[in-house]
Every structure is written in structure tokens, then in C-alpha cells.
Protein backbone atom coordinates (compact mmCIF):
# COMPACT_ATOMS: atom_id res chain seq x y z
CA UNK A 1 111.61 8.32 -10.67
CA UNK A 2 110.19 8.19 -14.36
CA UNK A 3 112.87 7.06 -17.20
CA UNK A 4 111.92 8.84 -20.13
CA UNK A 5 114.44 10.13 -23.09
CA UNK A 6 114.70 13.43 -24.24
CA UNK A 7 116.01 14.40 -27.78
CA UNK A 8 119.25 16.85 -27.69
CA UNK A 9 119.24 19.66 -29.58
CA UNK A 10 119.10 19.36 -33.54
CA UNK A 11 118.76 15.53 -32.96
CA UNK A 12 115.78 13.94 -34.45
CA UNK A 13 114.26 11.59 -31.48
CA UNK A 14 111.83 10.03 -29.73
CA UNK A 15 110.75 8.81 -26.35
CA UNK A 16 111.96 4.90 -25.72
CA UNK A 17 109.74 4.00 -22.88
CA UNK A 18 113.26 1.55 -22.02
CA UNK A 19 114.93 5.64 -20.84
CA UNK A 20 116.88 6.54 -23.74
CA UNK A 21 116.85 8.85 -26.97
CA UNK A 22 116.14 6.73 -30.20
CA UNK A 23 115.75 7.55 -33.56
CA UNK A 24 112.65 8.98 -34.71
CA UNK A 25 110.63 6.46 -36.63
CA UNK A 26 109.04 9.48 -38.78
CA UNK A 27 112.71 9.71 -40.28
CA UNK A 28 113.13 9.29 -44.05
CA UNK A 29 114.69 6.23 -44.24
CA UNK A 30 116.00 7.44 -48.35
CA UNK A 31 118.19 9.83 -46.72
CA UNK A 32 121.77 8.55 -46.40
CA UNK A 33 122.29 10.42 -43.59
CA UNK A 34 119.08 9.44 -41.72
CA UNK A 35 120.06 6.14 -42.37
CA UNK A 36 123.26 6.39 -40.70
CA UNK A 37 121.25 7.84 -37.66
CA UNK A 38 118.55 5.31 -37.52
CA UNK A 39 121.43 2.55 -36.23
CA UNK A 40 122.91 4.74 -33.55
CA UNK A 41 121.74 5.21 -30.16
CA UNK A 42 121.76 8.50 -28.37
CA UNK A 43 122.63 7.30 -25.26
CA UNK A 44 120.77 9.85 -22.87
CA UNK A 45 118.96 9.08 -20.15
CA UNK A 46 116.79 11.32 -18.34
CA UNK A 47 115.88 10.71 -15.09
CA UNK A 48 112.93 12.10 -12.95
CA UNK A 49 113.01 11.93 -9.10
CA UNK A 50 111.51 13.79 -5.91
CA UNK A 51 113.26 15.76 -3.33
CA UNK A 52 112.07 16.26 0.47
CA UNK A 53 112.70 17.44 3.43
CA UNK A 54 113.28 15.88 6.76
CA UNK A 55 109.81 16.98 7.36
CA UNK A 56 108.09 15.21 4.10
CA UNK A 57 107.59 18.34 2.35
CA UNK A 58 108.52 18.94 -1.49
CA UNK A 59 111.99 20.54 -1.82
CA UNK A 60 111.30 22.62 -5.37
CA UNK A 61 114.25 25.51 -5.63
CA UNK A 62 117.63 22.99 -6.06
CA UNK A 63 119.84 22.91 -8.81
CA UNK A 64 121.55 20.55 -10.40
CA UNK A 65 124.83 20.88 -7.77
CA UNK A 66 122.80 19.92 -4.86
CA UNK A 67 122.92 16.03 -5.91
CA UNK A 68 124.81 13.37 -6.56
CA UNK A 69 124.28 11.23 -9.30
CA UNK A 70 125.69 7.54 -10.21
CA UNK A 71 124.21 5.25 -13.16
CA UNK A 72 125.88 1.42 -12.75
CA UNK A 73 128.01 2.74 -9.69
CA UNK A 74 130.25 5.20 -11.75
CA UNK A 75 129.83 9.44 -12.41
CA UNK A 76 127.59 10.21 -15.59
CA UNK A 77 129.95 11.59 -18.81
CA UNK A 78 128.46 14.59 -18.82
CA UNK A 79 125.34 15.93 -17.44
CA UNK A 80 123.62 17.46 -19.87
CA UNK A 81 120.17 19.06 -18.72
CA UNK A 82 118.62 19.47 -15.48
CA UNK A 83 115.37 20.99 -14.47
CA UNK A 84 112.18 20.79 -12.37
CA UNK A 85 109.53 18.69 -14.22
CA UNK A 86 105.83 20.15 -13.36
CA UNK A 87 104.38 20.06 -16.28
CA UNK A 88 105.09 16.66 -18.03
CA UNK A 89 102.09 14.91 -19.75
CA UNK A 90 100.57 12.18 -17.56
CA UNK A 91 99.91 8.65 -18.60
CA UNK A 92 97.75 7.07 -15.70
CA UNK A 93 96.88 3.84 -15.16
CA UNK A 94 94.19 3.50 -12.33
CA UNK A 95 94.09 -0.25 -10.14
CA UNK A 96 91.01 -0.94 -8.71
CA UNK A 97 91.40 -4.80 -6.02
CA UNK A 98 87.75 -6.03 -6.57
CA UNK A 99 88.69 -9.17 -4.35
CA UNK A 100 86.20 -9.90 -2.36
CA UNK A 101 88.64 -8.73 1.14
CA UNK A 102 87.87 -5.02 -0.12
CA UNK A 103 84.31 -5.38 -0.07
CA UNK A 104 83.74 -3.14 2.95
CA UNK A 105 85.79 0.24 1.70
CA UNK A 106 85.05 -0.78 -2.08
CA UNK A 107 82.41 2.14 -3.07
CA UNK A 108 84.32 4.55 -0.96
CA UNK A 109 87.50 3.35 -2.97
CA UNK A 110 85.88 3.91 -6.45
CA UNK A 111 84.59 7.55 -5.35
CA UNK A 112 88.27 8.52 -4.49
CA UNK A 113 89.57 7.33 -7.19
CA UNK A 114 87.01 9.38 -9.24
CA UNK A 115 87.69 12.60 -7.35
CA UNK A 116 91.16 12.13 -8.17
CA UNK A 117 90.79 12.01 -11.63
CA UNK A 118 89.20 14.88 -11.56
CA UNK A 119 91.40 16.91 -9.66
CA UNK A 120 94.10 15.65 -11.70
CA UNK A 121 93.47 15.00 -15.51
CA UNK A 122 93.94 17.79 -18.20
CA UNK A 123 91.44 17.52 -21.36
CA UNK A 124 93.51 16.99 -24.50
CA UNK A 125 97.01 16.50 -22.61
CA UNK A 126 96.52 13.74 -19.72
CA UNK A 127 95.38 10.33 -20.43
CA UNK A 128 94.37 7.50 -18.33
CA UNK A 129 92.49 3.99 -18.07
CA UNK A 130 90.89 2.15 -15.01
CA UNK A 131 91.37 -1.08 -14.30
CA UNK A 132 89.92 -3.91 -11.64
CA UNK A 133 91.40 -6.92 -10.88
CA UNK A 134 90.23 -10.06 -8.92
CA UNK A 135 91.08 -13.30 -9.72
CA UNK A 136 91.61 -11.44 -13.28
CA UNK A 137 92.25 -8.14 -14.58
CA UNK A 138 89.64 -6.25 -16.87
CA UNK A 139 90.09 -3.06 -18.41
CA UNK A 140 86.47 -0.83 -17.30
CA UNK A 141 87.89 2.14 -19.73
CA UNK A 142 90.40 2.47 -22.12
CA UNK A 143 93.43 5.39 -22.07
CA UNK A 144 90.83 8.50 -22.74
CA UNK A 145 91.12 12.37 -20.92
CA UNK A 146 87.46 11.67 -20.67
CA UNK A 147 87.06 12.35 -16.65
CA UNK A 148 82.86 11.30 -17.34
CA UNK A 149 83.85 7.57 -19.00
CA UNK A 150 86.69 6.77 -16.62
CA UNK A 151 84.12 7.46 -13.61
CA UNK A 152 81.54 5.46 -15.61
CA UNK A 153 83.62 2.64 -15.90
CA UNK A 154 85.35 2.70 -12.30
CA UNK A 155 81.61 2.36 -10.70
CA UNK A 156 80.25 -0.33 -13.16
CA UNK A 157 83.48 -2.23 -11.26
CA UNK A 158 81.89 -5.28 -8.54
CA UNK A 159 83.95 -6.39 -6.15
CA UNK A 160 84.33 -10.39 -5.04
CA UNK A 161 86.31 -12.82 -5.91
CA UNK A 162 90.95 -13.87 -5.48
CA UNK A 163 93.41 -11.25 -6.30
CA UNK A 164 96.22 -11.49 -9.04
CA UNK A 165 97.75 -8.07 -8.01
CA UNK A 166 101.16 -9.18 -9.91
CA UNK A 167 98.99 -10.10 -12.97
CA UNK A 168 97.24 -7.05 -13.04
CA UNK A 169 100.91 -4.74 -12.95
CA UNK A 170 102.29 -6.98 -15.33
CA UNK A 171 99.40 -6.33 -17.92
CA UNK A 172 99.21 -2.92 -17.12
CA UNK A 173 102.38 -2.15 -17.96
CA UNK A 174 103.32 -4.48 -20.72
CA UNK A 175 100.27 -4.24 -22.85
CA UNK A 176 99.07 -0.70 -21.92
CA UNK A 177 102.65 1.86 -20.92
CA UNK A 178 104.82 0.06 -22.57
CA UNK A 179 103.05 0.15 -25.84
CA UNK A 180 102.05 3.83 -25.35
CA UNK A 181 103.29 5.39 -29.00
CA UNK A 182 103.83 9.64 -27.57
CA UNK A 183 106.11 11.47 -29.34
CA UNK A 184 106.72 13.72 -26.51
CA UNK A 185 108.12 13.06 -22.98
CA UNK A 186 105.37 11.71 -20.34
CA UNK A 187 105.23 10.51 -16.93
CA UNK A 188 103.88 6.98 -16.74
CA UNK A 189 102.55 6.18 -13.26
CA UNK A 190 100.11 3.06 -11.45
CA UNK A 191 98.16 3.67 -9.20
CA UNK A 192 97.15 0.68 -6.87
CA UNK A 193 94.23 0.59 -4.43
CA UNK A 194 94.78 -2.51 -2.70
CA UNK A 195 95.44 -5.00 0.37
CA UNK A 196 98.85 -6.11 -1.40
CA UNK A 197 97.50 -9.98 -1.01
CA UNK A 198 97.99 -11.99 -4.52
CA UNK A 199 96.58 -15.50 -4.44
CA UNK A 200 95.98 -16.21 -8.33
CA UNK A 201 98.64 -14.75 -10.46
CA UNK A 202 100.60 -16.46 -12.73
CA UNK A 203 103.21 -13.94 -12.57
CA UNK A 204 105.59 -13.34 -9.56
CA UNK A 205 106.32 -10.50 -7.71
CA UNK A 206 109.82 -9.90 -9.35
CA UNK A 207 107.90 -10.20 -12.69
CA UNK A 208 105.74 -7.88 -12.07
CA UNK A 209 108.28 -5.25 -10.98
CA UNK A 210 110.90 -6.13 -13.77
CA UNK A 211 107.72 -5.25 -16.17
CA UNK A 212 107.31 -1.60 -14.58
CA UNK A 213 110.75 -1.19 -15.00
CA UNK A 214 111.18 -1.73 -18.71
CA UNK A 215 107.90 0.30 -19.53
CA UNK A 216 109.58 3.09 -16.77
CA UNK A 217 106.71 3.59 -14.74
CA UNK A 218 106.29 4.83 -11.76
CA UNK A 219 104.53 2.59 -8.78
CA UNK A 220 102.18 4.33 -6.19
CA UNK A 221 100.01 2.25 -3.90
CA UNK A 222 97.16 2.70 -1.44
CA UNK A 223 96.71 -0.17 0.67
CA UNK A 224 92.96 -1.10 2.37
CA UNK A 225 94.23 -2.96 4.94
CA UNK A 226 92.50 -0.91 7.85
CA UNK A 227 93.80 -2.95 10.80
CA UNK A 228 96.74 -0.94 11.80
CA UNK A 229 99.12 -3.41 11.31
CA UNK A 230 102.00 -3.80 9.08
CA UNK A 231 100.67 -7.42 7.23
CA UNK A 232 102.24 -9.35 4.58
CA UNK A 233 100.52 -7.16 1.38
CA UNK A 234 101.52 -4.06 3.01
CA UNK A 235 105.38 -4.95 3.02
CA UNK A 236 104.65 -6.19 -1.09
CA UNK A 237 102.62 -2.37 -1.94
CA UNK A 238 106.05 -0.98 -0.35
CA UNK A 239 108.28 -2.93 -1.94
CA UNK A 240 106.52 -2.46 -5.29
CA UNK A 241 106.64 1.40 -4.94
CA UNK A 242 110.12 1.18 -3.53
CA UNK A 243 111.42 -0.32 -6.36
CA UNK A 244 109.91 2.07 -9.21
CA UNK A 245 110.13 5.26 -7.26
CA UNK A 246 106.78 5.43 -6.36
CA UNK A 247 105.05 5.68 -2.76
CA UNK A 248 103.11 3.55 -0.72
CA UNK A 249 100.25 4.89 1.41
CA UNK A 250 98.33 3.40 4.55
CA UNK A 251 95.50 4.88 5.39
CA UNK A 252 93.52 4.17 8.29
CA UNK A 253 90.73 5.65 7.74
CA UNK A 254 88.49 5.89 4.94
CA UNK A 255 88.24 9.57 4.86
CA UNK A 256 92.72 9.03 4.56
CA UNK A 257 92.16 7.45 1.05
CA UNK A 258 91.26 10.83 -0.44
CA UNK A 259 94.46 12.24 1.23
CA UNK A 260 96.60 9.80 -0.36
CA UNK A 261 94.85 10.71 -3.62
CA UNK A 262 96.04 14.43 -2.56
CA UNK A 263 99.25 13.35 -2.04
CA UNK A 264 99.62 11.85 -5.20
CA UNK A 265 98.74 14.27 -7.64
CA UNK A 266 101.42 16.46 -5.80
CA UNK A 267 103.70 14.90 -6.35
CA UNK A 268 103.16 13.98 -10.23
CA UNK A 269 103.77 17.88 -10.38
CA UNK A 270 106.73 18.51 -8.12
CA UNK A 271 109.37 16.10 -9.74
CA UNK A 272 113.10 17.09 -10.99
CA UNK A 273 114.47 16.13 -13.61
CA UNK A 274 118.22 14.94 -14.53
CA UNK A 275 119.59 14.28 -18.17
CA UNK A 276 122.95 12.64 -18.66
CA UNK A 277 125.39 10.34 -21.26
CA UNK A 278 125.78 7.54 -18.89
CA UNK A 279 129.90 6.22 -18.79
CA UNK A 280 131.07 3.10 -20.61
CA UNK A 281 127.41 2.54 -22.14
CA UNK A 282 126.54 -0.66 -23.84
CA UNK A 283 123.62 -1.58 -25.76
CA UNK A 284 123.38 -4.58 -23.68
CA UNK A 285 120.25 -4.62 -22.19
CA UNK A 286 120.95 -5.36 -18.89
CA UNK A 287 119.60 -3.50 -16.04
CA UNK A 288 121.61 -0.04 -15.00
CA UNK A 289 121.31 0.77 -11.63
CA UNK A 290 120.96 4.60 -10.58
CA UNK A 291 121.85 6.47 -7.38
CA UNK A 292 121.03 9.65 -7.09
CA UNK A 293 121.12 11.62 -3.37
CA UNK A 294 121.09 15.16 -2.07
CA UNK A 295 124.39 16.76 -0.56
CA UNK A 296 122.73 19.27 1.71
CA UNK A 297 121.68 17.79 5.05
CA UNK A 298 118.11 16.02 5.96
CA UNK A 299 117.03 15.99 2.30
CA UNK A 300 115.98 12.57 1.09
CA UNK A 301 115.77 11.64 -2.33
CA UNK A 302 113.08 9.05 -3.64
CA UNK A 303 113.84 8.06 -7.39
CA UNK A 304 113.98 4.59 -9.82
CA UNK A 305 116.21 1.93 -9.20
CA UNK A 306 117.80 1.73 -12.53
CA UNK A 307 116.85 1.21 -15.82
CA UNK A 308 117.33 -1.22 -19.22
CA UNK A 309 119.69 -0.40 -21.42
CA UNK A 310 118.32 -0.65 -25.07
CA UNK A 311 119.76 -4.51 -27.29
CA UNK A 312 121.33 -4.18 -30.48
């Protein structure tokens, strides 16, 4: 589940990564009414989520009556809107593990990541950046809609060294996606190709997840482990994805990596959005849980665990 904010009809607001609409910084502060607006918060939460049947197929014809939602364990004060979101602009980070442990699959992973961007990124609409990480993180190509530049950056990555996965997640969310200054709703996502083993990060796993939640980022992970076993790193990748409303993929063959990227592309275009005013809302900066369940039998909902309220 992705958190973003949409302005109410007739209101001048912009999208805040925290998940709530706040007054636009472009408002004329000389207008007394604008000053009042700046001091108030539009407490509207906009949640993106996935609905799937028991066969793992996306279900795209549901209505708001098919779901139950709880914010901070309470029903929302008011449901503002509900729709299927298939065309939001994408802000994507591709994070590729370049540590020595993935040497045998490195080139194929690079090619699969480039193929994903070629199929997914729409010029003048979507933007992505590419980062390689081992003991430290290095941006190979900053945000752009130019797939040729992204491909060149990914192909220049070299493998070797240790692994600082948590640091890569933390810095990507804080420095790239949290600072995104888009003036319209966007879908922020990280796609991580790694074995999930971390041995050099300064940040903890909890801190990495916290920053992803703060930035409203959904994380997809693709494991590079081909042992056929569920190892510690696989569990970490699954934990990161689950916490942010994403999905973890465990391809056992190299060709399956491309299939994983294709599934992510499909999912990014197959989400619902529900906007609501939470009940008993306080701008206290704390984490508020979100629970979305399907009322129809054999339907599963995958959504982010919650969001951070703004702090006055």
C-alpha cells in the first residue's frame, strides 16, 4: 500500500509523502484566507492497495463496499473517494546488490533490470533512479525518464565487496523518495535485487523500514538466492516487502528474474485507492496502523501497515 494525498475538491493542496494533504507551498501568503489555510491540515489519507483471489490473480472490478478499513483500529470518519488507480506517475528506485555474493548472477540481473525499465517507464511521465550497493551505496544514474541513461548506469555497475542493504534502503528513501517534490499524486516504489544478507550497514532493519514508511514507499524485493532454501536473507527481504505493502519474489532460475520484474510491472498498474478522513485524528507525529480486509470470500488484500501523522 502506498500513502499519498489528494486535495479535496476546491482545495489548494499538494501531495505530502507522509500521506496527508497539506496546503500548497505555492499559496499567496498575502491573502488572509490563504494564511488560515496554511495553518490548517486537510486530514485526508489516500491508501493504495492490491486485491487478489486465491489463485494469486489481480481482481480489478471491486467497489468500496467490498472492503472494510480501519485506521488506528477505528473506522474512518468519512470515505471521500474510491477508485482503481492504473495510471499514476511512477517514481521508482532500482537497487542492485553488487556485493561479491551475487557474482554468478550479476550480469543477468543487470539485463533484467534494464528490460523492466524499458517496458515500464513512460517518457515525460515516469522517473527512475538506479543505485548499486555493496559496503556502500552509489547512485549510478539519478532520477530520469531516459531509459538509455538508466541502462548505461546499471551496466557500469561492478560487483564485489560486502553488503549494506539497510543503508541502501534508508538513503534511497530519505534522499531520493522522501524529497520528491511532485505537485501531484505519484506512486513511489523501490525494487531491490539482493540476497538480503546485510553485514556492513550502520542503520538497522527497523530504521530502514521506518524511513520507507515515512517516505510512503512500497518495496518489492527479488532474491538472488538460488539454493531452494529459505535463508535468513530471504526472510529479511520478505519482512521489508510485507511492512511496506510490497511483495517478495524468490526466483530459483535466472530466467525467473525477468518474470518477477514483469509481475512487479503488472502490479504497479493494478492497485486500488481509497481516500478517507480518519476518526479521532491528532497531528502528533505517531504511527497510525491501517487494516484493509476484503468482505468477499477468498479475496486477499495486500496493503501497507500504516503511516505517520504529520506533527504540528
